[in-house]
Amino acid sequence: MRLYAAVVRGAFLRFSTYRAATLAGAFTNTVFGFILAYTFIALWHARPGLGGYDEAAAVTYIWVSQALLMTVAVMGGGFEDDIQERFRSGDIAVDLYRPVDFQGWWLATDLGRAAFHLLGRGVAPVLVGALAFRTRMPEHPLTWAVFLLSVLLAVVVSFGLRFLVALTGFWLHDSEGVRALTLMVSIFFSGMLLPLALFPGWLGELAPLLPWAALVKVPTDVFLERVTGTGLLGALGSQLAWALVLLATGRLVQLLATRKVVVQGG
């Protein structure tokens, strides 16, 4: 465990070195937060109570989702870029010979990345949004702790999804096409563009059941205290279930992929 803790810390420090990029990213998230917040305000003026959100909750949803964008890597990135580069260079073969679990190593790396982005690119937009708009903060102090737990589970679910995509490189030698496809699916079904409660008909019933809902929809519901009691346990349970299923599936696919490795490049 000390090894993986060191990997988490190393990944956190690695991303903290890109200070200019972090400031630029936080500024970008804030700008998009303003654009989306004003769009939502106009929409909620026309349709009050849409999706069960009042205007303050809808605006808060925007700022929390902006804070989660990089934290849970809705648009991909992070360890996927590293693995893809290692496929191209041939260094992936070295990774498989290391006396450390392949999946565990990259999970620890992603947890360090997520922790930095939560602080570096997540806190500032939420604070700016709270100062500029009428938002809704959690009423109960315990909600903050449960929210952080939900974010942690969201990061693990996101890792599980992206790890499966990254593993396609063992067969394709380049997973860029698969990543581009899953990017659109992730943005749409995570609730990043629009709360899933606004999806119509069968789509609105299906979307919350998919693993991508664990990335944004569940943490924002926890933050806004839309789920309490057994509903809260169910929401966290769904995140945990998807995390375990995806990690187990990733383990199985990894075993299949590494039975025969074709090294490209070096």
C-alpha atoms as a PDB file:
ATOM      1  CA  MET A   1       0.000   0.000   0.000  1.00  0.00           C
ATOM      2  CA  ARG A   2       2.954   2.327   0.634  1.00  0.00           C
ATOM      3  CA  LEU A   3       3.957   1.846  -2.995  1.00  0.00           C
ATOM      4  CA  TYR A   4       0.540   2.843  -4.332  1.00  0.00           C
ATOM      5  CA  ALA A   5       0.354   5.764  -1.890  1.00  0.00           C
ATOM      6  CA  ALA A   6       3.687   6.949  -3.291  1.00  0.00           C
ATOM      7  CA  VAL A   7       2.310   6.633  -6.826  1.00  0.00           C
ATOM      8  CA  VAL A   8      -0.751   8.711  -5.863  1.00  0.00           C
ATOM      9  CA  ARG A   9       1.493  11.364  -4.327  1.00  0.00           C
ATOM     10  CA  GLY A  10       3.830  11.333  -7.331  1.00  0.00           C
ATOM     11  CA  ALA A  11       0.941  11.800  -9.761  1.00  0.00           C
ATOM     12  CA  PHE A  12      -0.420  14.670  -7.653  1.00  0.00           C
ATOM     13  CA  LEU A  13       2.974  16.394  -7.689  1.00  0.00           C
ATOM     14  CA  ARG A  14       3.419  15.745 -11.390  1.00  0.00           C
ATOM     15  CA  PHE A  15       0.201  17.518 -12.327  1.00  0.00           C
ATOM     16  CA  SER A  16       0.880  20.308  -9.837  1.00  0.00           C
ATOM     17  CA  THR A  17       3.941  21.330 -11.858  1.00  0.00           C
ATOM     18  CA  TYR A  18       1.721  22.560 -14.711  1.00  0.00           C
ATOM     19  CA  ARG A  19       0.657  25.723 -12.903  1.00  0.00           C
ATOM     20  CA  ALA A  20       0.000  27.866 -15.979  1.00  0.00           C
ATOM     21  CA  ALA A  21      -2.103  25.133 -17.575  1.00  0.00           C
ATOM     22  CA  THR A  22      -4.034  24.701 -14.326  1.00  0.00           C
ATOM     23  CA  LEU A  23      -4.803  28.427 -14.081  1.00  0.00           C
ATOM     24  CA  ALA A  24      -5.825  28.522 -17.744  1.00  0.00           C
ATOM     25  CA  GLY A  25      -8.024  25.470 -17.255  1.00  0.00           C
ATOM     26  CA  ALA A  26      -9.708  26.902 -14.158  1.00  0.00           C
ATOM     27  CA  PHE A  27     -10.344  30.136 -16.055  1.00  0.00           C
ATOM     28  CA  THR A  28     -11.827  28.188 -18.983  1.00  0.00           C
ATOM     29  CA  ASN A  29     -14.101  26.207 -16.644  1.00  0.00           C
ATOM     30  CA  THR A  30     -15.247  29.459 -15.059  1.00  0.00           C
ATOM     31  CA  VAL A  31     -16.012  31.099 -18.418  1.00  0.00           C
ATOM     32  CA  PHE A  32     -18.013  28.101 -19.582  1.00  0.00           C
ATOM     33  CA  GLY A  33     -19.717  28.069 -16.192  1.00  0.00           C
ATOM     34  CA  PHE A  34     -20.949  31.644 -16.743  1.00  0.00           C
ATOM     35  CA  ILE A  35     -22.163  30.832 -20.263  1.00  0.00           C
ATOM     36  CA  LEU A  36     -24.044  27.721 -19.162  1.00  0.00           C
ATOM     37  CA  ALA A  37     -25.373  29.352 -15.987  1.00  0.00           C
ATOM     38  CA  TYR A  38     -26.972  32.214 -17.922  1.00  0.00           C
ATOM     39  CA  THR A  39     -28.347  29.704 -20.431  1.00  0.00           C
ATOM     40  CA  PHE A  40     -29.899  27.679 -17.621  1.00  0.00           C
ATOM     41  CA  ILE A  41     -31.325  30.805 -15.977  1.00  0.00           C
ATOM     42  CA  ALA A  42     -33.075  31.718 -19.236  1.00  0.00           C
ATOM     43  CA  LEU A  43     -34.356  28.161 -19.597  1.00  0.00           C
ATOM     44  CA  TRP A  44     -35.641  27.999 -16.013  1.00  0.00           C
ATOM     45  CA  HIS A  45     -37.342  31.370 -16.375  1.00  0.00           C
ATOM     46  CA  ALA A  46     -39.294  29.852 -19.249  1.00  0.00           C
ATOM     47  CA  ARG A  47     -39.803  26.476 -17.529  1.00  0.00           C
ATOM     48  CA  PRO A  48     -39.689  26.887 -13.733  1.00  0.00           C
ATOM     49  CA  GLY A  49     -39.075  23.687 -11.820  1.00  0.00           C
ATOM     50  CA  LEU A  50     -37.828  21.825 -14.894  1.00  0.00           C
ATOM     51  CA  GLY A  51     -36.625  18.345 -13.996  1.00  0.00           C
ATOM     52  CA  GLY A  52     -37.380  18.939 -10.333  1.00  0.00           C
ATOM     53  CA  TYR A  53     -34.696  21.636 -10.020  1.00  0.00           C
ATOM     54  CA  ASP A  54     -35.397  25.206  -9.019  1.00  0.00           C
ATOM     55  CA  GLU A  55     -33.287  27.957 -10.565  1.00  0.00           C
ATOM     56  CA  ALA A  56     -30.697  28.021  -7.755  1.00  0.00           C
ATOM     57  CA  ALA A  57     -30.262  24.250  -7.887  1.00  0.00           C
ATOM     58  CA  ALA A  58     -29.942  24.297 -11.688  1.00  0.00           C
ATOM     59  CA  VAL A  59     -27.236  26.972 -11.541  1.00  0.00           C
ATOM     60  CA  THR A  60     -25.430  25.073  -8.774  1.00  0.00           C
ATOM     61  CA  TYR A  61     -25.566  21.968 -10.955  1.00  0.00           C
ATOM     62  CA  ILE A  62     -23.601  23.846 -13.621  1.00  0.00           C
ATOM     63  CA  TRP A  63     -20.817  24.906 -11.286  1.00  0.00           C
ATOM     64  CA  VAL A  64     -20.472  21.525  -9.602  1.00  0.00           C
ATOM     65  CA  SER A  65     -20.370  19.780 -12.980  1.00  0.00           C
ATOM     66  CA  GLN A  66     -17.649  22.182 -14.118  1.00  0.00           C
ATOM     67  CA  ALA A  67     -15.683  21.284 -10.994  1.00  0.00           C
ATOM     68  CA  LEU A  68     -16.080  17.589 -11.836  1.00  0.00           C
ATOM     69  CA  LEU A  69     -15.208  17.886 -15.531  1.00  0.00           C
ATOM     70  CA  MET A  70     -11.472  17.323 -15.116  1.00  0.00           C
ATOM     71  CA  THR A  71     -11.667  15.614 -11.735  1.00  0.00           C
ATOM     72  CA  VAL A  72     -13.535  12.594 -13.104  1.00  0.00           C
ATOM     73  CA  ALA A  73     -12.064  13.056 -16.605  1.00  0.00           C
ATOM     74  CA  VAL A  74     -15.425  13.146 -18.370  1.00  0.00           C
ATOM     75  CA  MET A  75     -13.610  13.999 -21.598  1.00  0.00           C
ATOM     76  CA  GLY A  76     -10.892  11.411 -21.084  1.00  0.00           C
ATOM     77  CA  GLY A  77      -7.189  12.052 -20.757  1.00  0.00           C
ATOM     78  CA  GLY A  78      -4.852  11.360 -17.876  1.00  0.00           C
ATOM     79  CA  PHE A  79      -3.365   7.876 -17.817  1.00  0.00           C
ATOM     80  CA  GLU A  80      -4.923   7.070 -21.220  1.00  0.00           C
ATOM     81  CA  ASP A  81      -2.496   9.468 -22.890  1.00  0.00           C
ATOM     82  CA  ASP A  82       0.424   7.838 -21.078  1.00  0.00           C
ATOM     83  CA  ILE A  83      -0.609   4.302 -22.020  1.00  0.00           C
ATOM     84  CA  GLN A  84      -1.200   5.280 -25.642  1.00  0.00           C
ATOM     85  CA  GLU A  85       2.283   6.795 -25.839  1.00  0.00           C
ATOM     86  CA  ARG A  86       3.743   3.652 -24.328  1.00  0.00           C
ATOM     87  CA  PHE A  87       2.018   1.560 -26.960  1.00  0.00           C
ATOM     88  CA  ARG A  88       3.644   3.691 -29.650  1.00  0.00           C
ATOM     89  CA  SER A  89       7.110   3.527 -28.104  1.00  0.00           C
ATOM     90  CA  GLY A  90       6.960  -0.138 -27.107  1.00  0.00           C
ATOM     91  CA  ASP A  91       7.504   0.695 -23.431  1.00  0.00           C
ATOM     92  CA  ILE A  92       4.247  -1.091 -22.624  1.00  0.00           C
ATOM     93  CA  ALA A  93       6.254  -4.336 -22.603  1.00  0.00           C
ATOM     94  CA  VAL A  94       8.437  -2.949 -19.800  1.00  0.00           C
ATOM     95  CA  ASP A  95       5.324  -2.054 -17.782  1.00  0.00           C
ATOM     96  CA  LEU A  96       4.138  -5.651 -17.905  1.00  0.00           C
ATOM     97  CA  TYR A  97       7.448  -6.904 -16.475  1.00  0.00           C
ATOM     98  CA  ARG A  98       7.411  -4.571 -13.486  1.00  0.00           C
ATOM     99  CA  PRO A  99       6.791  -6.200 -10.073  1.00  0.00           C
ATOM    100  CA  VAL A 100       3.616  -4.175  -9.585  1.00  0.00           C
ATOM    101  CA  ASP A 101       0.028  -4.676 -10.654  1.00  0.00           C
ATOM    102  CA  PHE A 102      -0.599  -2.997 -14.017  1.00  0.00           C
ATOM    103  CA  GLN A 103      -4.182  -1.970 -13.253  1.00  0.00           C
ATOM    104  CA  GLY A 104      -3.383  -0.927  -9.684  1.00  0.00           C
ATOM    105  CA  TRP A 105      -0.494   1.273 -10.820  1.00  0.00           C
ATOM    106  CA  TRP A 106      -2.601   3.239 -13.275  1.00  0.00           C
ATOM    107  CA  LEU A 107      -5.516   3.490 -10.832  1.00  0.00           C
ATOM    108  CA  ALA A 108      -3.195   5.023  -8.243  1.00  0.00           C
ATOM    109  CA  THR A 109      -1.894   7.409 -10.886  1.00  0.00           C
ATOM    110  CA  ASP A 110      -5.415   8.459 -11.782  1.00  0.00           C
ATOM    111  CA  LEU A 111      -6.370   9.027  -8.143  1.00  0.00           C
ATOM    112  CA  GLY A 112      -3.436  11.413  -7.762  1.00  0.00           C
ATOM    113  CA  ARG A 113      -4.421  13.239 -10.932  1.00  0.00           C
ATOM    114  CA  ALA A 114      -8.045  13.522  -9.788  1.00  0.00           C
ATOM    115  CA  ALA A 115      -7.086  14.832  -6.340  1.00  0.00           C
ATOM    116  CA  PHE A 116      -5.047  17.617  -7.893  1.00  0.00           C
ATOM    117  CA  HIS A 117      -7.734  18.617 -10.394  1.00  0.00           C
ATOM    118  CA  LEU A 118     -10.402  18.665  -7.679  1.00  0.00           C
ATOM    119  CA  LEU A 119      -8.345  21.231  -5.795  1.00  0.00           C
ATOM    120  CA  GLY A 120      -6.670  23.005  -8.695  1.00  0.00           C
ATOM    121  CA  ARG A 121      -9.556  23.222 -11.152  1.00  0.00           C
ATOM    122  CA  GLY A 122     -12.619  22.364  -9.095  1.00  0.00           C
ATOM    123  CA  VAL A 123     -12.670  24.698  -6.111  1.00  0.00           C
ATOM    124  CA  ALA A 124     -12.168  28.028  -7.922  1.00  0.00           C
ATOM    125  CA  PRO A 125     -15.119  27.751 -10.365  1.00  0.00           C
ATOM    126  CA  VAL A 126     -17.513  26.756  -7.554  1.00  0.00           C
ATOM    127  CA  LEU A 127     -16.390  29.699  -5.415  1.00  0.00           C
ATOM    128  CA  VAL A 128     -16.764  32.142  -8.321  1.00  0.00           C
ATOM    129  CA  GLY A 129     -20.189  30.727  -9.155  1.00  0.00           C
ATOM    130  CA  ALA A 130     -21.320  31.036  -5.530  1.00  0.00           C
ATOM    131  CA  LEU A 131     -20.238  34.689  -5.479  1.00  0.00           C
ATOM    132  CA  ALA A 132     -21.758  35.616  -8.845  1.00  0.00           C
ATOM    133  CA  PHE A 133     -25.061  33.684  -8.722  1.00  0.00           C
ATOM    134  CA  ARG A 134     -27.694  32.505  -6.315  1.00  0.00           C
ATOM    135  CA  THR A 135     -26.621  28.948  -5.670  1.00  0.00           C
ATOM    136  CA  ARG A 136     -27.521  26.222  -3.221  1.00  0.00           C
ATOM    137  CA  MET A 137     -24.841  24.889  -0.901  1.00  0.00           C
ATOM    138  CA  PRO A 138     -25.357  21.751   1.233  1.00  0.00           C
ATOM    139  CA  GLU A 139     -27.350  22.411   4.394  1.00  0.00           C
ATOM    140  CA  HIS A 140     -25.839  19.549   6.395  1.00  0.00           C
ATOM    141  CA  PRO A 141     -22.071  19.421   7.109  1.00  0.00           C
ATOM    142  CA  LEU A 142     -22.065  15.645   6.628  1.00  0.00           C
ATOM    143  CA  THR A 143     -23.128  16.171   3.002  1.00  0.00           C
ATOM    144  CA  TRP A 144     -19.654  17.505   2.190  1.00  0.00           C
ATOM    145  CA  ALA A 145     -18.039  14.268   3.366  1.00  0.00           C
ATOM    146  CA  VAL A 146     -20.568  12.126   1.479  1.00  0.00           C
ATOM    147  CA  PHE A 147     -20.012  14.269  -1.613  1.00  0.00           C
ATOM    148  CA  LEU A 148     -16.249  13.637  -1.472  1.00  0.00           C
ATOM    149  CA  LEU A 149     -16.935   9.908  -1.121  1.00  0.00           C
ATOM    150  CA  SER A 150     -19.212  10.077  -4.162  1.00  0.00           C
ATOM    151  CA  VAL A 151     -16.521  11.929  -6.118  1.00  0.00           C
ATOM    152  CA  LEU A 152     -13.990   9.241  -5.191  1.00  0.00           C
ATOM    153  CA  LEU A 153     -16.332   6.530  -6.449  1.00  0.00           C
ATOM    154  CA  ALA A 154     -16.975   8.585  -9.591  1.00  0.00           C
ATOM    155  CA  VAL A 155     -13.233   8.729 -10.261  1.00  0.00           C
ATOM    156  CA  VAL A 156     -12.933   4.952  -9.873  1.00  0.00           C
ATOM    157  CA  VAL A 157     -15.887   4.357 -12.231  1.00  0.00           C
ATOM    158  CA  SER A 158     -14.348   6.771 -14.723  1.00  0.00           C
ATOM    159  CA  PHE A 159     -11.031   4.947 -14.434  1.00  0.00           C
ATOM    160  CA  GLY A 160     -12.757   1.613 -15.039  1.00  0.00           C
ATOM    161  CA  LEU A 161     -14.375   2.891 -18.227  1.00  0.00           C
ATOM    162  CA  ARG A 162     -11.212   4.557 -19.524  1.00  0.00           C
ATOM    163  CA  PHE A 163      -9.036   1.573 -18.607  1.00  0.00           C
ATOM    164  CA  LEU A 164     -11.183  -0.676 -20.795  1.00  0.00           C
ATOM    165  CA  VAL A 165     -10.829   1.815 -23.652  1.00  0.00           C
ATOM    166  CA  ALA A 166      -7.066   2.004 -23.137  1.00  0.00           C
ATOM    167  CA  LEU A 167      -6.791  -1.801 -23.240  1.00  0.00           C
ATOM    168  CA  THR A 168      -8.128  -1.840 -26.798  1.00  0.00           C
ATOM    169  CA  GLY A 169      -4.659  -0.612 -27.746  1.00  0.00           C
ATOM    170  CA  PHE A 170      -3.355  -4.147 -27.174  1.00  0.00           C
ATOM    171  CA  TRP A 171      -5.314  -5.199 -30.246  1.00  0.00           C
ATOM    172  CA  LEU A 172      -5.594  -1.957 -32.245  1.00  0.00           C
ATOM    173  CA  HIS A 173      -2.166  -0.505 -31.297  1.00  0.00           C
ATOM    174  CA  ASP A 174      -3.932   2.869 -31.297  1.00  0.00           C
ATOM    175  CA  SER A 175      -7.089   3.484 -29.272  1.00  0.00           C
ATOM    176  CA  GLU A 176      -7.731   7.031 -30.515  1.00  0.00           C
ATOM    177  CA  GLY A 177     -10.800   6.048 -32.554  1.00  0.00           C
ATOM    178  CA  VAL A 178     -12.398   4.215 -29.636  1.00  0.00           C
ATOM    179  CA  ARG A 179     -11.566   7.125 -27.321  1.00  0.00           C
ATOM    180  CA  ALA A 180     -13.232   9.620 -29.668  1.00  0.00           C
ATOM    181  CA  LEU A 181     -16.400   7.520 -29.743  1.00  0.00           C
ATOM    182  CA  THR A 182     -16.572   7.014 -25.982  1.00  0.00           C
ATOM    183  CA  LEU A 183     -15.896  10.718 -25.428  1.00  0.00           C
ATOM    184  CA  MET A 184     -19.246  11.681 -26.939  1.00  0.00           C
ATOM    185  CA  VAL A 185     -21.051   8.942 -25.036  1.00  0.00           C
ATOM    186  CA  SER A 186     -19.451  10.043 -21.774  1.00  0.00           C
ATOM    187  CA  ILE A 187     -20.332  13.719 -22.192  1.00  0.00           C
ATOM    188  CA  PHE A 188     -23.935  12.932 -23.095  1.00  0.00           C
ATOM    189  CA  PHE A 189     -24.795  10.198 -20.580  1.00  0.00           C
ATOM    190  CA  SER A 190     -22.837  11.593 -17.630  1.00  0.00           C
ATOM    191  CA  GLY A 191     -25.113  14.623 -17.402  1.00  0.00           C
ATOM    192  CA  MET A 192     -22.338  17.070 -18.210  1.00  0.00           C
ATOM    193  CA  LEU A 193     -24.332  18.817 -20.929  1.00  0.00           C
ATOM    194  CA  LEU A 194     -27.779  18.496 -19.374  1.00  0.00           C
ATOM    195  CA  PRO A 195     -29.131  16.926 -16.166  1.00  0.00           C
ATOM    196  CA  LEU A 196     -30.317  13.396 -16.846  1.00  0.00           C
ATOM    197  CA  ALA A 197     -33.634  14.251 -15.181  1.00  0.00           C
ATOM    198  CA  LEU A 198     -34.435  16.325 -18.278  1.00  0.00           C
ATOM    199  CA  PHE A 199     -34.038  13.401 -20.686  1.00  0.00           C
ATOM    200  CA  PRO A 200     -37.410  12.406 -22.198  1.00  0.00           C
ATOM    201  CA  GLY A 201     -39.220   9.070 -22.112  1.00  0.00           C
ATOM    202  CA  TRP A 202     -37.280   5.820 -22.168  1.00  0.00           C
ATOM    203  CA  LEU A 203     -34.000   7.686 -22.528  1.00  0.00           C
ATOM    204  CA  GLY A 204     -34.625   9.374 -19.190  1.00  0.00           C
ATOM    205  CA  GLU A 205     -35.256   5.983 -17.607  1.00  0.00           C
ATOM    206  CA  LEU A 206     -32.203   4.339 -19.181  1.00  0.00           C
ATOM    207  CA  ALA A 207     -29.556   7.033 -18.700  1.00  0.00           C
ATOM    208  CA  PRO A 208     -29.423   6.939 -14.847  1.00  0.00           C
ATOM    209  CA  LEU A 209     -28.824   3.183 -14.973  1.00  0.00           C
ATOM    210  CA  LEU A 210     -25.706   3.428 -17.139  1.00  0.00           C
ATOM    211  CA  PRO A 211     -22.221   3.700 -15.596  1.00  0.00           C
ATOM    212  CA  TRP A 212     -21.669   7.220 -16.957  1.00  0.00           C
ATOM    213  CA  ALA A 213     -24.384   8.541 -14.623  1.00  0.00           C
ATOM    214  CA  ALA A 214     -21.988   7.838 -11.755  1.00  0.00           C
ATOM    215  CA  LEU A 215     -19.554  10.453 -13.083  1.00  0.00           C
ATOM    216  CA  VAL A 216     -21.602  13.663 -12.757  1.00  0.00           C
ATOM    217  CA  LYS A 217     -25.261  12.912 -12.075  1.00  0.00           C
ATOM    218  CA  VAL A 218     -24.787  11.090  -8.769  1.00  0.00           C
ATOM    219  CA  PRO A 219     -22.207  13.465  -7.205  1.00  0.00           C
ATOM    220  CA  THR A 220     -24.291  16.525  -8.106  1.00  0.00           C
ATOM    221  CA  ASP A 221     -27.430  14.910  -6.687  1.00  0.00           C
ATOM    222  CA  VAL A 222     -25.509  14.268  -3.466  1.00  0.00           C
ATOM    223  CA  PHE A 223     -24.214  17.849  -3.371  1.00  0.00           C
ATOM    224  CA  LEU A 224     -27.697  19.266  -3.946  1.00  0.00           C
ATOM    225  CA  GLU A 225     -29.132  16.832  -1.367  1.00  0.00           C
ATOM    226  CA  ARG A 226     -31.628  15.504  -3.902  1.00  0.00           C
ATOM    227  CA  VAL A 227     -31.009  12.001  -2.547  1.00  0.00           C
ATOM    228  CA  THR A 228     -31.293  11.259   1.165  1.00  0.00           C
ATOM    229  CA  GLY A 229     -31.716   8.217   3.380  1.00  0.00           C
ATOM    230  CA  THR A 230     -32.170   5.003   1.425  1.00  0.00           C
ATOM    231  CA  GLY A 231     -32.028   6.976  -1.822  1.00  0.00           C
ATOM    232  CA  LEU A 232     -28.551   8.187  -0.902  1.00  0.00           C
ATOM    233  CA  LEU A 233     -27.404   4.677  -0.036  1.00  0.00           C
ATOM    234  CA  GLY A 234     -28.814   3.474  -3.335  1.00  0.00           C
ATOM    235  CA  ALA A 235     -26.977   6.179  -5.284  1.00  0.00           C
ATOM    236  CA  LEU A 236     -23.654   5.418  -3.604  1.00  0.00           C
ATOM    237  CA  GLY A 237     -24.344   1.713  -3.955  1.00  0.00           C
ATOM    238  CA  SER A 238     -24.829   2.061  -7.696  1.00  0.00           C
ATOM    239  CA  GLN A 239     -21.490   3.860  -7.964  1.00  0.00           C
ATOM    240  CA  LEU A 240     -19.758   1.184  -5.915  1.00  0.00           C
ATOM    241  CA  ALA A 241     -21.385  -1.603  -7.941  1.00  0.00           C
ATOM    242  CA  TRP A 242     -20.284  -0.097 -11.250  1.00  0.00           C
ATOM    243  CA  ALA A 243     -16.777   0.500  -9.872  1.00  0.00           C
ATOM    244  CA  LEU A 244     -16.437  -3.165  -8.875  1.00  0.00           C
ATOM    245  CA  VAL A 245     -17.931  -4.460 -12.131  1.00  0.00           C
ATOM    246  CA  LEU A 246     -15.708  -2.267 -14.293  1.00  0.00           C
ATOM    247  CA  LEU A 247     -12.540  -3.031 -12.329  1.00  0.00           C
ATOM    248  CA  ALA A 248     -13.272  -6.766 -12.523  1.00  0.00           C
ATOM    249  CA  THR A 249     -14.012  -6.514 -16.245  1.00  0.00           C
ATOM    250  CA  GLY A 250     -10.815  -4.542 -16.767  1.00  0.00           C
ATOM    251  CA  ARG A 251      -8.886  -7.241 -14.917  1.00  0.00           C
ATOM    252  CA  LEU A 252     -10.360  -9.937 -17.165  1.00  0.00           C
ATOM    253  CA  VAL A 253      -9.700  -7.996 -20.374  1.00  0.00           C
ATOM    254  CA  GLN A 254      -6.153  -7.270 -19.204  1.00  0.00           C
ATOM    255  CA  LEU A 255      -5.517 -10.988 -18.728  1.00  0.00           C
ATOM    256  CA  LEU A 256      -6.825 -11.711 -22.211  1.00  0.00           C
ATOM    257  CA  ALA A 257      -4.836  -8.859 -23.751  1.00  0.00           C
ATOM    258  CA  THR A 258      -1.512  -9.796 -22.186  1.00  0.00           C
ATOM    259  CA  ARG A 259      -1.630 -13.437 -23.279  1.00  0.00           C
ATOM    260  CA  LYS A 260      -0.040 -12.319 -26.515  1.00  0.00           C
ATOM    261  CA  VAL A 261       1.527  -8.882 -26.749  1.00  0.00           C
ATOM    262  CA  VAL A 262       2.730  -7.425 -30.047  1.00  0.00           C
ATOM    263  CA  VAL A 263       5.139  -4.592 -29.303  1.00  0.00           C
ATOM    264  CA  GLN A 264       5.167  -1.657 -31.667  1.00  0.00           C
ATOM    265  CA  GLY A 265       8.029   0.801 -31.941  1.00  0.00           C
ATOM    266  CA  GLY A 266      11.032   0.226 -29.648  1.00  0.00           C
END
